[in-house]
Amino acid sequence: MMMVSDDCLVECKIDDDSDEDDGGEERINMPPPPPEFASKASTPAPDPPTPISKASTPISKPPTPSTASATPTPTHPVNRDPYGINQHLKVEVSDVLAEPATPHSIDQVWLYSVTGFEKARIWTYRCLSLLFAVPFALLLGIFLAILACLHVWFVVPCIQLSNTFLPCLRSLFLCAVNVFIAPFCASIALCCSQIAISLSNKDWHQMRDKETV
């Protein structure tokens, strides 16, 4: 029978005052064994997971939307002439009015003239566009629609049909020219090649006198 000394005995303490878990289990603190009885290959046992009570679990709240209103971004001006078809209409005051140094008017006269020119040009254009822009736009739209309709349903089909039938017409025309027109023209040329006109000196002088008269 093997005798064990008192130094190797391990005292286990049980804490009765420890808090009970939800399932009624008690926590027991077990000290590690002495080094004499510890195995070299043994690994330390992991600590038991600490129970978390449901009451202590933090409840995540949904993020509250920001109450700050979105600031409106400034809109860029619309380019009304993206292809530059009216670049020649960009007229400045310096393109029309220019005062040399020698005949110099009063500064206020020049400033008021430039201001009047600009205001008259801008507001006259605005008033005329207010009156005629919408009707002219409607007329142009109708005109372009008519052109597009004619182009789609008349011009292009006629061109395609002509491209289809022109080779046939070309072959027929070449046959007619080679069979009828070319021999007729060749025979007339042979007949006319035999005609010779001879003029005597008397006739030559008479013709010359008539020209001088």
N, C-alpha and C. Protein backbone atom coordinates (compact mmCIF):
# COMPACT_ATOMS: atom_id res chain seq x y z
N MET A 1 0.85 -1.19 0.00
CA MET A 1 0.00 0.00 0.00
C MET A 1 0.87 1.22 0.00
N MET A 2 0.62 2.20 -0.86
CA MET A 2 1.45 3.39 -1.02
C MET A 2 0.97 4.47 -0.10
N MET A 3 1.93 5.04 0.61
CA MET A 3 1.62 6.10 1.57
C MET A 3 1.82 7.45 0.89
N VAL A 4 0.88 8.38 1.11
CA VAL A 4 0.96 9.73 0.56
C VAL A 4 1.17 10.68 1.70
N SER A 5 2.16 11.53 1.57
CA SER A 5 2.45 12.51 2.63
C SER A 5 1.41 13.61 2.64
N ASP A 6 1.40 14.30 3.79
CA ASP A 6 0.43 15.38 3.94
C ASP A 6 0.73 16.58 3.05
N ASP A 7 2.04 16.70 2.62
CA ASP A 7 2.37 17.86 1.76
C ASP A 7 1.74 17.76 0.39
N CYS A 8 1.43 16.51 -0.01
CA CYS A 8 0.87 16.33 -1.36
C CYS A 8 -0.63 16.46 -1.38
N LEU A 9 -1.22 16.56 -0.22
CA LEU A 9 -2.67 16.70 -0.18
C LEU A 9 -3.07 18.11 -0.61
N VAL A 10 -4.18 18.21 -1.29
CA VAL A 10 -4.67 19.50 -1.78
C VAL A 10 -5.96 19.80 -1.08
N GLU A 11 -6.01 20.96 -0.55
CA GLU A 11 -7.21 21.39 0.17
C GLU A 11 -8.14 22.09 -0.81
N CYS A 12 -9.36 21.66 -0.87
CA CYS A 12 -10.39 22.23 -1.74
C CYS A 12 -11.33 23.05 -0.90
N LYS A 13 -11.46 24.29 -1.28
CA LYS A 13 -12.35 25.20 -0.56
C LYS A 13 -13.57 25.47 -1.43
N ILE A 14 -14.71 25.38 -0.78
CA ILE A 14 -15.98 25.63 -1.47
C ILE A 14 -16.58 26.89 -0.90
N ASP A 15 -16.83 27.83 -1.77
CA ASP A 15 -17.40 29.11 -1.35
C ASP A 15 -18.90 29.01 -1.43
N ASP A 16 -19.53 29.00 -0.25
CA ASP A 16 -20.99 28.89 -0.21
C ASP A 16 -21.67 30.20 -0.53
N ASP A 17 -20.92 31.31 -0.37
CA ASP A 17 -21.53 32.61 -0.58
C ASP A 17 -21.51 33.09 -2.03
N SER A 18 -20.98 32.26 -2.93
CA SER A 18 -20.88 32.66 -4.35
C SER A 18 -22.26 32.74 -4.96
N ASP A 19 -22.39 33.64 -5.92
CA ASP A 19 -23.68 33.83 -6.59
C ASP A 19 -24.02 32.64 -7.45
N GLU A 20 -25.29 32.28 -7.43
CA GLU A 20 -25.76 31.16 -8.24
C GLU A 20 -26.07 31.65 -9.66
N ASP A 21 -25.85 30.74 -10.60
CA ASP A 21 -26.14 31.06 -12.00
C ASP A 21 -27.61 30.87 -12.28
N ASP A 22 -28.01 31.09 -13.55
CA ASP A 22 -29.42 30.93 -13.92
C ASP A 22 -29.87 29.50 -13.76
N GLY A 23 -28.99 28.52 -14.03
CA GLY A 23 -29.38 27.12 -13.92
C GLY A 23 -29.23 26.57 -12.52
N GLY A 24 -28.82 27.35 -11.52
CA GLY A 24 -28.68 26.88 -10.16
C GLY A 24 -27.36 26.22 -9.87
N GLU A 25 -26.35 26.29 -10.75
CA GLU A 25 -25.05 25.66 -10.53
C GLU A 25 -24.18 26.60 -9.70
N GLU A 26 -23.30 26.00 -8.88
CA GLU A 26 -22.39 26.75 -8.03
C GLU A 26 -21.00 26.73 -8.63
N ARG A 27 -20.29 27.82 -8.49
CA ARG A 27 -18.94 27.92 -9.00
C ARG A 27 -17.97 27.39 -7.95
N ILE A 28 -17.05 26.51 -8.34
CA ILE A 28 -16.05 25.90 -7.45
C ILE A 28 -14.69 26.28 -7.96
N ASN A 29 -13.89 26.91 -7.11
CA ASN A 29 -12.54 27.33 -7.47
C ASN A 29 -11.60 26.16 -7.20
N MET A 30 -11.06 25.59 -8.26
CA MET A 30 -10.14 24.45 -8.14
C MET A 30 -8.72 24.95 -8.36
N PRO A 31 -7.85 24.82 -7.33
CA PRO A 31 -6.45 25.23 -7.53
C PRO A 31 -5.72 24.24 -8.40
N PRO A 32 -4.65 24.65 -9.01
CA PRO A 32 -3.90 23.73 -9.87
C PRO A 32 -3.19 22.67 -9.02
N PRO A 33 -2.97 21.45 -9.55
CA PRO A 33 -2.27 20.40 -8.79
C PRO A 33 -0.81 20.75 -8.58
N PRO A 34 -0.17 20.13 -7.60
CA PRO A 34 1.27 20.38 -7.35
C PRO A 34 2.10 19.88 -8.51
N PRO A 35 3.32 20.40 -8.66
CA PRO A 35 4.16 20.01 -9.81
C PRO A 35 4.56 18.56 -9.80
N GLU A 36 4.52 17.89 -8.65
CA GLU A 36 4.91 16.48 -8.63
C GLU A 36 3.91 15.61 -9.35
N PHE A 37 2.61 15.99 -9.30
CA PHE A 37 1.57 15.20 -9.90
C PHE A 37 1.16 15.71 -11.28
N ALA A 38 1.72 16.85 -11.71
CA ALA A 38 1.36 17.39 -13.02
C ALA A 38 2.09 16.65 -14.11
N SER A 39 1.41 16.29 -15.19
CA SER A 39 2.02 15.60 -16.31
C SER A 39 2.63 16.60 -17.27
N LYS A 40 3.76 16.19 -17.90
CA LYS A 40 4.43 17.09 -18.83
C LYS A 40 3.61 17.31 -20.09
N ALA A 41 2.89 16.28 -20.53
CA ALA A 41 2.12 16.39 -21.77
C ALA A 41 0.76 17.03 -21.57
N SER A 42 0.38 17.14 -20.30
CA SER A 42 -0.95 17.70 -20.06
C SER A 42 -0.94 19.19 -20.32
N THR A 43 -2.02 19.68 -20.82
CA THR A 43 -2.19 21.11 -21.12
C THR A 43 -3.13 21.71 -20.11
N PRO A 44 -2.92 22.95 -19.75
CA PRO A 44 -3.81 23.56 -18.76
C PRO A 44 -5.22 23.65 -19.30
N ALA A 45 -6.14 23.28 -18.44
CA ALA A 45 -7.54 23.30 -18.83
C ALA A 45 -8.00 24.74 -18.99
N PRO A 46 -8.78 25.00 -20.00
CA PRO A 46 -9.25 26.39 -20.21
C PRO A 46 -10.23 26.79 -19.13
N ASP A 47 -10.23 28.04 -18.83
CA ASP A 47 -11.14 28.56 -17.82
C ASP A 47 -12.56 28.43 -18.31
N PRO A 48 -13.46 28.07 -17.43
CA PRO A 48 -14.87 27.97 -17.85
C PRO A 48 -15.41 29.33 -18.25
N PRO A 49 -16.27 29.35 -19.25
CA PRO A 49 -16.81 30.66 -19.69
C PRO A 49 -17.64 31.29 -18.60
N THR A 50 -17.45 32.55 -18.47
CA THR A 50 -18.19 33.30 -17.46
C THR A 50 -19.62 33.49 -17.94
N PRO A 51 -20.57 33.04 -17.16
CA PRO A 51 -21.97 33.22 -17.61
C PRO A 51 -22.37 34.68 -17.58
N ILE A 52 -23.10 35.02 -18.59
CA ILE A 52 -23.56 36.40 -18.73
C ILE A 52 -25.06 36.40 -18.56
N SER A 53 -25.48 37.16 -17.63
CA SER A 53 -26.92 37.24 -17.38
C SER A 53 -27.59 38.06 -18.46
N LYS A 54 -28.83 37.72 -18.68
CA LYS A 54 -29.59 38.42 -19.73
C LYS A 54 -29.84 39.88 -19.37
N ALA A 55 -29.90 40.13 -18.05
CA ALA A 55 -30.19 41.50 -17.65
C ALA A 55 -29.02 42.42 -17.90
N SER A 56 -27.74 41.81 -17.86
CA SER A 56 -26.56 42.65 -18.05
C SER A 56 -26.18 42.83 -19.50
N THR A 57 -26.89 42.16 -20.44
CA THR A 57 -26.56 42.29 -21.86
C THR A 57 -27.00 43.65 -22.37
N PRO A 58 -26.05 44.43 -22.94
CA PRO A 58 -26.45 45.75 -23.45
C PRO A 58 -27.28 45.62 -24.70
N ILE A 59 -28.31 46.39 -24.77
CA ILE A 59 -29.21 46.38 -25.93
C ILE A 59 -28.75 47.46 -26.90
N SER A 60 -28.40 47.01 -28.13
CA SER A 60 -27.93 47.97 -29.13
C SER A 60 -29.11 48.73 -29.70
N LYS A 61 -28.98 50.01 -29.73
CA LYS A 61 -30.03 50.87 -30.26
C LYS A 61 -29.76 51.19 -31.72
N PRO A 62 -30.76 51.26 -32.54
CA PRO A 62 -30.53 51.62 -33.95
C PRO A 62 -30.02 53.04 -34.06
N PRO A 63 -29.12 53.26 -35.02
CA PRO A 63 -28.58 54.62 -35.17
C PRO A 63 -29.66 55.60 -35.56
N THR A 64 -29.67 56.67 -34.86
CA THR A 64 -30.67 57.72 -35.14
C THR A 64 -30.25 58.52 -36.36
N PRO A 65 -31.13 58.75 -37.28
CA PRO A 65 -30.76 59.53 -38.48
C PRO A 65 -30.43 60.95 -38.10
N SER A 66 -29.50 61.48 -38.84
CA SER A 66 -29.08 62.86 -38.58
C SER A 66 -30.20 63.81 -38.94
N THR A 67 -30.43 64.73 -38.06
CA THR A 67 -31.53 65.69 -38.27
C THR A 67 -31.10 66.87 -39.13
N ALA A 68 -29.80 66.94 -39.45
CA ALA A 68 -29.33 68.08 -40.25
C ALA A 68 -29.83 67.93 -41.68
N SER A 69 -30.46 68.93 -42.19
CA SER A 69 -30.98 68.89 -43.56
C SER A 69 -29.84 69.02 -44.56
N ALA A 70 -29.97 68.28 -45.67
CA ALA A 70 -28.94 68.32 -46.70
C ALA A 70 -28.93 69.69 -47.37
N THR A 71 -27.75 70.26 -47.45
CA THR A 71 -27.62 71.57 -48.07
C THR A 71 -27.69 71.43 -49.57
N PRO A 72 -28.50 72.21 -50.26
CA PRO A 72 -28.61 72.09 -51.72
C PRO A 72 -27.32 72.54 -52.39
N THR A 73 -26.87 71.72 -53.34
CA THR A 73 -25.67 72.05 -54.09
C THR A 73 -26.01 73.01 -55.21
N PRO A 74 -25.16 73.99 -55.48
CA PRO A 74 -25.45 74.94 -56.57
C PRO A 74 -25.39 74.25 -57.91
N THR A 75 -26.38 74.50 -58.73
CA THR A 75 -26.44 73.90 -60.06
C THR A 75 -25.62 74.73 -61.03
N HIS A 76 -24.95 74.02 -61.94
CA HIS A 76 -24.13 74.69 -62.94
C HIS A 76 -25.03 75.22 -64.06
N PRO A 77 -24.67 76.31 -64.69
CA PRO A 77 -25.49 76.83 -65.79
C PRO A 77 -25.49 75.88 -66.98
N VAL A 78 -26.64 75.78 -67.62
CA VAL A 78 -26.79 74.88 -68.75
C VAL A 78 -26.16 75.50 -69.99
N ASN A 79 -25.35 74.71 -70.67
CA ASN A 79 -24.73 75.17 -71.90
C ASN A 79 -25.76 75.09 -73.03
N ARG A 80 -26.22 76.23 -73.49
CA ARG A 80 -27.26 76.26 -74.52
C ARG A 80 -26.71 76.18 -75.94
N ASP A 81 -25.41 76.22 -76.09
CA ASP A 81 -24.77 76.09 -77.41
C ASP A 81 -23.61 75.12 -77.28
N PRO A 82 -23.90 73.82 -77.09
CA PRO A 82 -22.81 72.87 -76.83
C PRO A 82 -21.91 72.65 -78.03
N TYR A 83 -22.42 72.83 -79.26
CA TYR A 83 -21.62 72.59 -80.45
C TYR A 83 -21.07 73.89 -81.06
N GLY A 84 -21.33 75.02 -80.43
CA GLY A 84 -20.74 76.28 -80.88
C GLY A 84 -21.19 76.71 -82.27
N ILE A 85 -22.48 76.57 -82.57
CA ILE A 85 -22.95 76.97 -83.90
C ILE A 85 -23.24 78.46 -83.99
N ASN A 86 -23.27 79.14 -82.85
CA ASN A 86 -23.54 80.59 -82.85
C ASN A 86 -22.41 81.36 -82.17
N GLN A 87 -21.18 80.92 -82.43
CA GLN A 87 -20.04 81.64 -81.87
C GLN A 87 -19.89 83.04 -82.46
N HIS A 88 -20.37 83.22 -83.68
CA HIS A 88 -20.23 84.53 -84.33
C HIS A 88 -21.18 85.58 -83.73
N LEU A 89 -22.16 85.14 -82.91
CA LEU A 89 -23.09 86.08 -82.30
C LEU A 89 -22.62 86.60 -80.96
N LYS A 90 -21.45 86.18 -80.49
CA LYS A 90 -20.92 86.68 -79.22
C LYS A 90 -20.30 88.06 -79.47
N VAL A 91 -21.13 89.06 -79.41
CA VAL A 91 -20.71 90.42 -79.70
C VAL A 91 -20.50 91.16 -78.39
N GLU A 92 -19.37 91.76 -78.24
CA GLU A 92 -19.05 92.59 -77.09
C GLU A 92 -19.15 94.06 -77.49
N VAL A 93 -19.08 94.91 -76.47
CA VAL A 93 -19.12 96.36 -76.75
C VAL A 93 -17.89 96.78 -77.54
N SER A 94 -16.76 96.17 -77.21
CA SER A 94 -15.53 96.54 -77.90
C SER A 94 -15.53 96.12 -79.36
N ASP A 95 -16.42 95.17 -79.74
CA ASP A 95 -16.52 94.78 -81.15
C ASP A 95 -17.31 95.80 -81.97
N VAL A 96 -18.08 96.67 -81.30
CA VAL A 96 -18.93 97.63 -82.01
C VAL A 96 -18.50 99.06 -81.75
N LEU A 97 -18.29 99.40 -80.49
CA LEU A 97 -17.94 100.76 -80.10
C LEU A 97 -16.48 100.82 -79.70
N ALA A 98 -15.78 101.79 -80.25
CA ALA A 98 -14.38 102.02 -79.91
C ALA A 98 -14.07 103.49 -80.11
N GLU A 99 -13.59 104.12 -79.09
CA GLU A 99 -13.31 105.55 -79.14
C GLU A 99 -11.80 105.77 -79.11
N PRO A 100 -11.26 106.41 -80.13
CA PRO A 100 -9.81 106.66 -80.13
C PRO A 100 -9.41 107.66 -79.06
N ALA A 101 -8.12 107.85 -78.94
CA ALA A 101 -7.61 108.70 -77.85
C ALA A 101 -7.78 110.18 -78.16
N THR A 102 -7.68 110.56 -79.44
CA THR A 102 -7.72 112.00 -79.75
C THR A 102 -9.11 112.60 -79.60
N PRO A 103 -10.15 112.12 -80.32
CA PRO A 103 -11.50 112.64 -80.02
C PRO A 103 -12.06 111.89 -78.81
N HIS A 104 -11.84 112.44 -77.64
CA HIS A 104 -12.18 111.76 -76.39
C HIS A 104 -13.38 112.44 -75.76
N SER A 105 -14.41 111.66 -75.44
CA SER A 105 -15.61 112.21 -74.82
C SER A 105 -15.49 112.16 -73.30
N ILE A 106 -16.50 112.67 -72.62
CA ILE A 106 -16.49 112.65 -71.16
C ILE A 106 -16.67 111.22 -70.68
N ASP A 107 -16.06 110.92 -69.54
CA ASP A 107 -16.11 109.54 -69.02
C ASP A 107 -17.53 109.10 -68.75
N GLN A 108 -18.36 109.98 -68.21
CA GLN A 108 -19.74 109.60 -67.92
C GLN A 108 -20.51 109.29 -69.20
N VAL A 109 -20.22 110.04 -70.26
CA VAL A 109 -20.89 109.79 -71.53
C VAL A 109 -20.53 108.41 -72.06
N TRP A 110 -19.25 108.07 -71.97
CA TRP A 110 -18.80 106.76 -72.45
C TRP A 110 -19.41 105.62 -71.62
N LEU A 111 -19.43 105.79 -70.30
CA LEU A 111 -19.98 104.76 -69.43
C LEU A 111 -21.48 104.58 -69.67
N TYR A 112 -22.21 105.70 -69.77
CA TYR A 112 -23.64 105.58 -70.03
C TYR A 112 -23.92 105.00 -71.41
N SER A 113 -23.08 105.31 -72.38
CA SER A 113 -23.26 104.75 -73.72
C SER A 113 -23.05 103.23 -73.71
N VAL A 114 -22.01 102.80 -73.02
CA VAL A 114 -21.75 101.36 -72.94
C VAL A 114 -22.89 100.65 -72.20
N THR A 115 -23.34 101.26 -71.09
CA THR A 115 -24.43 100.66 -70.33
C THR A 115 -25.72 100.62 -71.15
N GLY A 116 -26.02 101.71 -71.87
CA GLY A 116 -27.21 101.72 -72.70
C GLY A 116 -27.14 100.70 -73.83
N PHE A 117 -25.95 100.55 -74.41
CA PHE A 117 -25.79 99.55 -75.47
C PHE A 117 -26.06 98.15 -74.93
N GLU A 118 -25.46 97.83 -73.80
CA GLU A 118 -25.63 96.49 -73.23
C GLU A 118 -27.09 96.23 -72.82
N LYS A 119 -27.69 97.20 -72.13
CA LYS A 119 -29.07 97.00 -71.67
C LYS A 119 -30.03 96.90 -72.86
N ALA A 120 -29.83 97.75 -73.85
CA ALA A 120 -30.72 97.70 -75.02
C ALA A 120 -30.57 96.38 -75.76
N ARG A 121 -29.33 95.89 -75.90
CA ARG A 121 -29.12 94.62 -76.61
C ARG A 121 -29.74 93.46 -75.84
N ILE A 122 -29.51 93.42 -74.54
CA ILE A 122 -29.99 92.28 -73.74
C ILE A 122 -31.51 92.28 -73.65
N TRP A 123 -32.10 93.43 -73.29
CA TRP A 123 -33.54 93.45 -73.07
C TRP A 123 -34.33 93.38 -74.36
N THR A 124 -33.79 93.93 -75.44
CA THR A 124 -34.47 93.77 -76.73
C THR A 124 -34.48 92.32 -77.16
N TYR A 125 -33.35 91.65 -76.98
CA TYR A 125 -33.31 90.22 -77.31
C TYR A 125 -34.27 89.43 -76.44
N ARG A 126 -34.34 89.75 -75.16
CA ARG A 126 -35.25 89.03 -74.26
C ARG A 126 -36.71 89.25 -74.65
N CYS A 127 -37.06 90.47 -74.98
CA CYS A 127 -38.45 90.74 -75.37
C CYS A 127 -38.80 90.05 -76.69
N LEU A 128 -37.88 90.11 -77.65
CA LEU A 128 -38.15 89.45 -78.93
C LEU A 128 -38.22 87.93 -78.77
N SER A 129 -37.33 87.38 -77.95
CA SER A 129 -37.39 85.93 -77.72
C SER A 129 -38.66 85.54 -76.97
N LEU A 130 -39.13 86.45 -76.07
CA LEU A 130 -40.39 86.16 -75.38
C LEU A 130 -41.56 86.10 -76.35
N LEU A 131 -41.51 86.91 -77.40
CA LEU A 131 -42.61 86.94 -78.36
C LEU A 131 -42.49 85.86 -79.43
N PHE A 132 -41.27 85.63 -79.92
CA PHE A 132 -41.11 84.79 -81.11
C PHE A 132 -40.43 83.45 -80.85
N ALA A 133 -39.86 83.24 -79.68
CA ALA A 133 -39.09 82.01 -79.47
C ALA A 133 -39.97 80.78 -79.53
N VAL A 134 -41.09 80.80 -78.82
CA VAL A 134 -41.96 79.62 -78.78
C VAL A 134 -42.60 79.34 -80.15
N PRO A 135 -43.18 80.35 -80.84
CA PRO A 135 -43.74 80.04 -82.17
C PRO A 135 -42.68 79.57 -83.17
N PHE A 136 -41.51 80.23 -83.16
CA PHE A 136 -40.47 79.79 -84.09
C PHE A 136 -39.97 78.39 -83.75
N ALA A 137 -39.88 78.09 -82.46
CA ALA A 137 -39.46 76.74 -82.07
C ALA A 137 -40.47 75.70 -82.54
N LEU A 138 -41.76 76.01 -82.43
CA LEU A 138 -42.78 75.09 -82.93
C LEU A 138 -42.69 74.91 -84.44
N LEU A 139 -42.51 76.02 -85.16
CA LEU A 139 -42.39 75.92 -86.62
C LEU A 139 -41.16 75.13 -87.03
N LEU A 140 -40.04 75.38 -86.34
CA LEU A 140 -38.83 74.64 -86.67
C LEU A 140 -38.98 73.16 -86.36
N GLY A 141 -39.65 72.85 -85.23
CA GLY A 141 -39.88 71.45 -84.91
C GLY A 141 -40.74 70.76 -85.96
N ILE A 142 -41.80 71.45 -86.41
CA ILE A 142 -42.67 70.87 -87.45
C ILE A 142 -41.90 70.69 -88.76
N PHE A 143 -41.08 71.72 -89.10
CA PHE A 143 -40.31 71.65 -90.34
C PHE A 143 -39.30 70.51 -90.31
N LEU A 144 -38.60 70.37 -89.17
CA LEU A 144 -37.63 69.29 -89.07
C LEU A 144 -38.31 67.93 -89.04
N ALA A 145 -39.51 67.86 -88.44
CA ALA A 145 -40.25 66.59 -88.45
C ALA A 145 -40.66 66.21 -89.88
N ILE A 146 -41.09 67.21 -90.67
CA ILE A 146 -41.46 66.94 -92.07
C ILE A 146 -40.23 66.48 -92.86
N LEU A 147 -39.09 67.15 -92.65
CA LEU A 147 -37.88 66.74 -93.34
C LEU A 147 -37.45 65.34 -92.95
N ALA A 148 -37.54 65.04 -91.65
CA ALA A 148 -37.16 63.70 -91.21
C ALA A 148 -38.09 62.64 -91.79
N CYS A 149 -39.40 62.95 -91.83
CA CYS A 149 -40.35 62.00 -92.41
C CYS A 149 -40.09 61.77 -93.89
N LEU A 150 -39.83 62.85 -94.64
CA LEU A 150 -39.53 62.70 -96.06
C LEU A 150 -38.22 61.94 -96.27
N HIS A 151 -37.26 62.24 -95.42
CA HIS A 151 -35.96 61.57 -95.58
C HIS A 151 -36.08 60.07 -95.29
N VAL A 152 -36.85 59.73 -94.25
CA VAL A 152 -36.95 58.33 -93.86
C VAL A 152 -37.84 57.54 -94.82
N TRP A 153 -38.97 58.13 -95.23
CA TRP A 153 -39.96 57.36 -95.96
C TRP A 153 -39.96 57.61 -97.47
N PHE A 154 -39.18 58.61 -97.96
CA PHE A 154 -39.20 58.87 -99.40
C PHE A 154 -37.80 58.92 -100.01
N VAL A 155 -36.93 59.77 -99.45
CA VAL A 155 -35.63 59.99 -100.08
C VAL A 155 -34.76 58.73 -100.00
N VAL A 156 -34.60 58.21 -98.80
CA VAL A 156 -33.75 57.03 -98.63
C VAL A 156 -34.29 55.82 -99.38
N PRO A 157 -35.62 55.52 -99.31
CA PRO A 157 -36.10 54.40 -100.14
C PRO A 157 -35.88 54.58 -101.63
N CYS A 158 -36.05 55.82 -102.13
CA CYS A 158 -35.80 56.05 -103.56
C CYS A 158 -34.34 55.82 -103.91
N ILE A 159 -33.45 56.28 -103.04
CA ILE A 159 -32.02 56.07 -103.31
C ILE A 159 -31.67 54.59 -103.28
N GLN A 160 -32.22 53.87 -102.31
CA GLN A 160 -31.94 52.44 -102.24
C GLN A 160 -32.51 51.69 -103.43
N LEU A 161 -33.72 52.07 -103.85
CA LEU A 161 -34.30 51.43 -105.03
C LEU A 161 -33.50 51.75 -106.29
N SER A 162 -33.05 52.99 -106.39
CA SER A 162 -32.25 53.34 -107.57
C SER A 162 -30.93 52.59 -107.57
N ASN A 163 -30.32 52.45 -106.38
CA ASN A 163 -29.08 51.67 -106.32
C ASN A 163 -29.33 50.20 -106.66
N THR A 164 -30.55 49.74 -106.41
CA THR A 164 -30.87 48.34 -106.74
C THR A 164 -31.12 48.16 -108.24
N PHE A 165 -31.83 49.10 -108.85
CA PHE A 165 -32.22 48.93 -110.25
C PHE A 165 -31.24 49.58 -111.23
N LEU A 166 -30.35 50.44 -110.79
CA LEU A 166 -29.43 51.08 -111.73
C LEU A 166 -28.52 50.11 -112.46
N PRO A 167 -27.98 49.07 -111.81
CA PRO A 167 -27.18 48.12 -112.61
C PRO A 167 -27.95 47.49 -113.76
N CYS A 168 -29.22 47.13 -113.51
CA CYS A 168 -30.03 46.56 -114.60
C CYS A 168 -30.25 47.57 -115.72
N LEU A 169 -30.58 48.82 -115.34
CA LEU A 169 -30.78 49.85 -116.35
C LEU A 169 -29.48 50.15 -117.09
N ARG A 170 -28.36 50.08 -116.39
CA ARG A 170 -27.07 50.33 -117.05
C ARG A 170 -26.78 49.26 -118.10
N SER A 171 -27.04 48.02 -117.75
CA SER A 171 -26.81 46.95 -118.74
C SER A 171 -27.73 47.10 -119.94
N LEU A 172 -29.01 47.45 -119.71
CA LEU A 172 -29.93 47.66 -120.83
C LEU A 172 -29.51 48.84 -121.69
N PHE A 173 -29.07 49.93 -121.05
CA PHE A 173 -28.65 51.10 -121.81
C PHE A 173 -27.40 50.80 -122.64
N LEU A 174 -26.46 50.04 -122.07
CA LEU A 174 -25.26 49.67 -122.84
C LEU A 174 -25.62 48.79 -124.03
N CYS A 175 -26.56 47.89 -123.84
CA CYS A 175 -26.98 47.06 -124.97
C CYS A 175 -27.63 47.90 -126.07
N ALA A 176 -28.49 48.85 -125.69
CA ALA A 176 -29.15 49.70 -126.69
C ALA A 176 -28.13 50.56 -127.42
N VAL A 177 -27.14 51.09 -126.69
CA VAL A 177 -26.13 51.93 -127.33
C VAL A 177 -25.29 51.10 -128.29
N ASN A 178 -24.87 49.91 -127.87
CA ASN A 178 -24.00 49.10 -128.72
C ASN A 178 -24.75 48.52 -129.94
N VAL A 179 -26.05 48.29 -129.80
CA VAL A 179 -26.79 47.65 -130.90
C VAL A 179 -27.34 48.68 -131.88
N PHE A 180 -27.87 49.80 -131.39
CA PHE A 180 -28.57 50.73 -132.27
C PHE A 180 -27.80 52.03 -132.49
N ILE A 181 -27.43 52.70 -131.39
CA ILE A 181 -26.89 54.06 -131.51
C ILE A 181 -25.47 54.05 -132.07
N ALA A 182 -24.62 53.16 -131.63
CA ALA A 182 -23.23 53.14 -132.11
C ALA A 182 -23.14 52.83 -133.61
N PRO A 183 -23.83 51.82 -134.15
CA PRO A 183 -23.76 51.62 -135.62
C PRO A 183 -24.34 52.78 -136.43
N PHE A 184 -25.42 53.38 -135.93
CA PHE A 184 -26.01 54.51 -136.65
C PHE A 184 -25.04 55.68 -136.70
N CYS A 185 -24.42 56.01 -135.60
CA CYS A 185 -23.45 57.12 -135.57
C CYS A 185 -22.23 56.80 -136.43
N ALA A 186 -21.80 55.52 -136.41
CA ALA A 186 -20.64 55.15 -137.23
C ALA A 186 -20.95 55.27 -138.72
N SER A 187 -22.16 54.87 -139.14
CA SER A 187 -22.53 54.98 -140.56
C SER A 187 -22.64 56.44 -140.99
N ILE A 188 -23.21 57.29 -140.12
CA ILE A 188 -23.28 58.72 -140.47
C ILE A 188 -21.88 59.31 -140.59
N ALA A 189 -20.98 58.90 -139.70
CA ALA A 189 -19.61 59.42 -139.76
C ALA A 189 -18.92 58.98 -141.06
N LEU A 190 -19.14 57.74 -141.51
CA LEU A 190 -18.55 57.29 -142.76
C LEU A 190 -19.12 58.04 -143.96
N CYS A 191 -20.42 58.30 -143.91
CA CYS A 191 -21.02 59.06 -145.02
C CYS A 191 -20.49 60.48 -145.07
N CYS A 192 -20.36 61.10 -143.94
CA CYS A 192 -19.88 62.48 -143.92
C CYS A 192 -18.38 62.58 -144.23
N SER A 193 -17.67 61.51 -144.00
CA SER A 193 -16.22 61.58 -144.25
C SER A 193 -15.90 61.63 -145.74
N GLN A 194 -16.84 61.22 -146.58
CA GLN A 194 -16.62 61.25 -148.02
C GLN A 194 -16.95 62.61 -148.64
N ILE A 195 -17.48 63.52 -147.94
CA ILE A 195 -17.83 64.83 -148.46
C ILE A 195 -16.60 65.72 -148.45
N ALA A 196 -16.31 66.35 -149.56
CA ALA A 196 -15.17 67.25 -149.69
C ALA A 196 -15.66 68.56 -150.29
N ILE A 197 -15.22 69.66 -149.73
CA ILE A 197 -15.61 71.00 -150.19
C ILE A 197 -14.37 71.66 -150.78
N SER A 198 -14.49 72.07 -152.03
CA SER A 198 -13.38 72.75 -152.72
C SER A 198 -13.83 74.15 -153.12
N LEU A 199 -13.03 75.10 -152.87
CA LEU A 199 -13.33 76.49 -153.19
C LEU A 199 -12.28 77.01 -154.18
N SER A 200 -12.79 77.73 -155.18
CA SER A 200 -11.88 78.35 -156.14
C SER A 200 -11.41 79.70 -155.61
N ASN A 201 -10.47 80.28 -156.28
CA ASN A 201 -9.96 81.59 -155.86
C ASN A 201 -11.03 82.67 -155.96
N LYS A 202 -11.89 82.53 -157.01
CA LYS A 202 -12.94 83.52 -157.17
C LYS A 202 -13.91 83.47 -155.99
N ASP A 203 -14.29 82.26 -155.66
CA ASP A 203 -15.20 82.13 -154.51
C ASP A 203 -14.54 82.60 -153.23
N TRP A 204 -13.27 82.34 -153.12
CA TRP A 204 -12.55 82.75 -151.92
C TRP A 204 -12.52 84.26 -151.78
N HIS A 205 -12.26 84.94 -152.89
CA HIS A 205 -12.24 86.40 -152.88
C HIS A 205 -13.63 86.97 -152.60
N GLN A 206 -14.65 86.36 -153.15
CA GLN A 206 -16.00 86.88 -152.89
C GLN A 206 -16.37 86.73 -151.41
N MET A 207 -16.03 85.60 -150.86
CA MET A 207 -16.31 85.41 -149.44
C MET A 207 -15.52 86.40 -148.57
N ARG A 208 -14.32 86.69 -149.03
CA ARG A 208 -13.49 87.62 -148.26
C ARG A 208 -14.05 89.03 -148.36
N ASP A 209 -14.55 89.40 -149.54
CA ASP A 209 -15.13 90.73 -149.70
C ASP A 209 -16.40 90.88 -148.87
N LYS A 210 -17.19 89.85 -148.81
CA LYS A 210 -18.39 89.92 -148.00
C LYS A 210 -18.08 90.09 -146.50
N GLU A 211 -17.01 89.45 -146.07
CA GLU A 211 -16.64 89.61 -144.68
C GLU A 211 -16.15 91.02 -144.37
N THR A 212 -15.43 91.62 -145.30
CA THR A 212 -14.92 92.98 -145.09
C THR A 212 -16.05 94.00 -145.12
N VAL A 213 -17.05 93.77 -145.94
CA VAL A 213 -18.16 94.69 -146.00
C VAL A 213 -18.99 94.62 -144.72
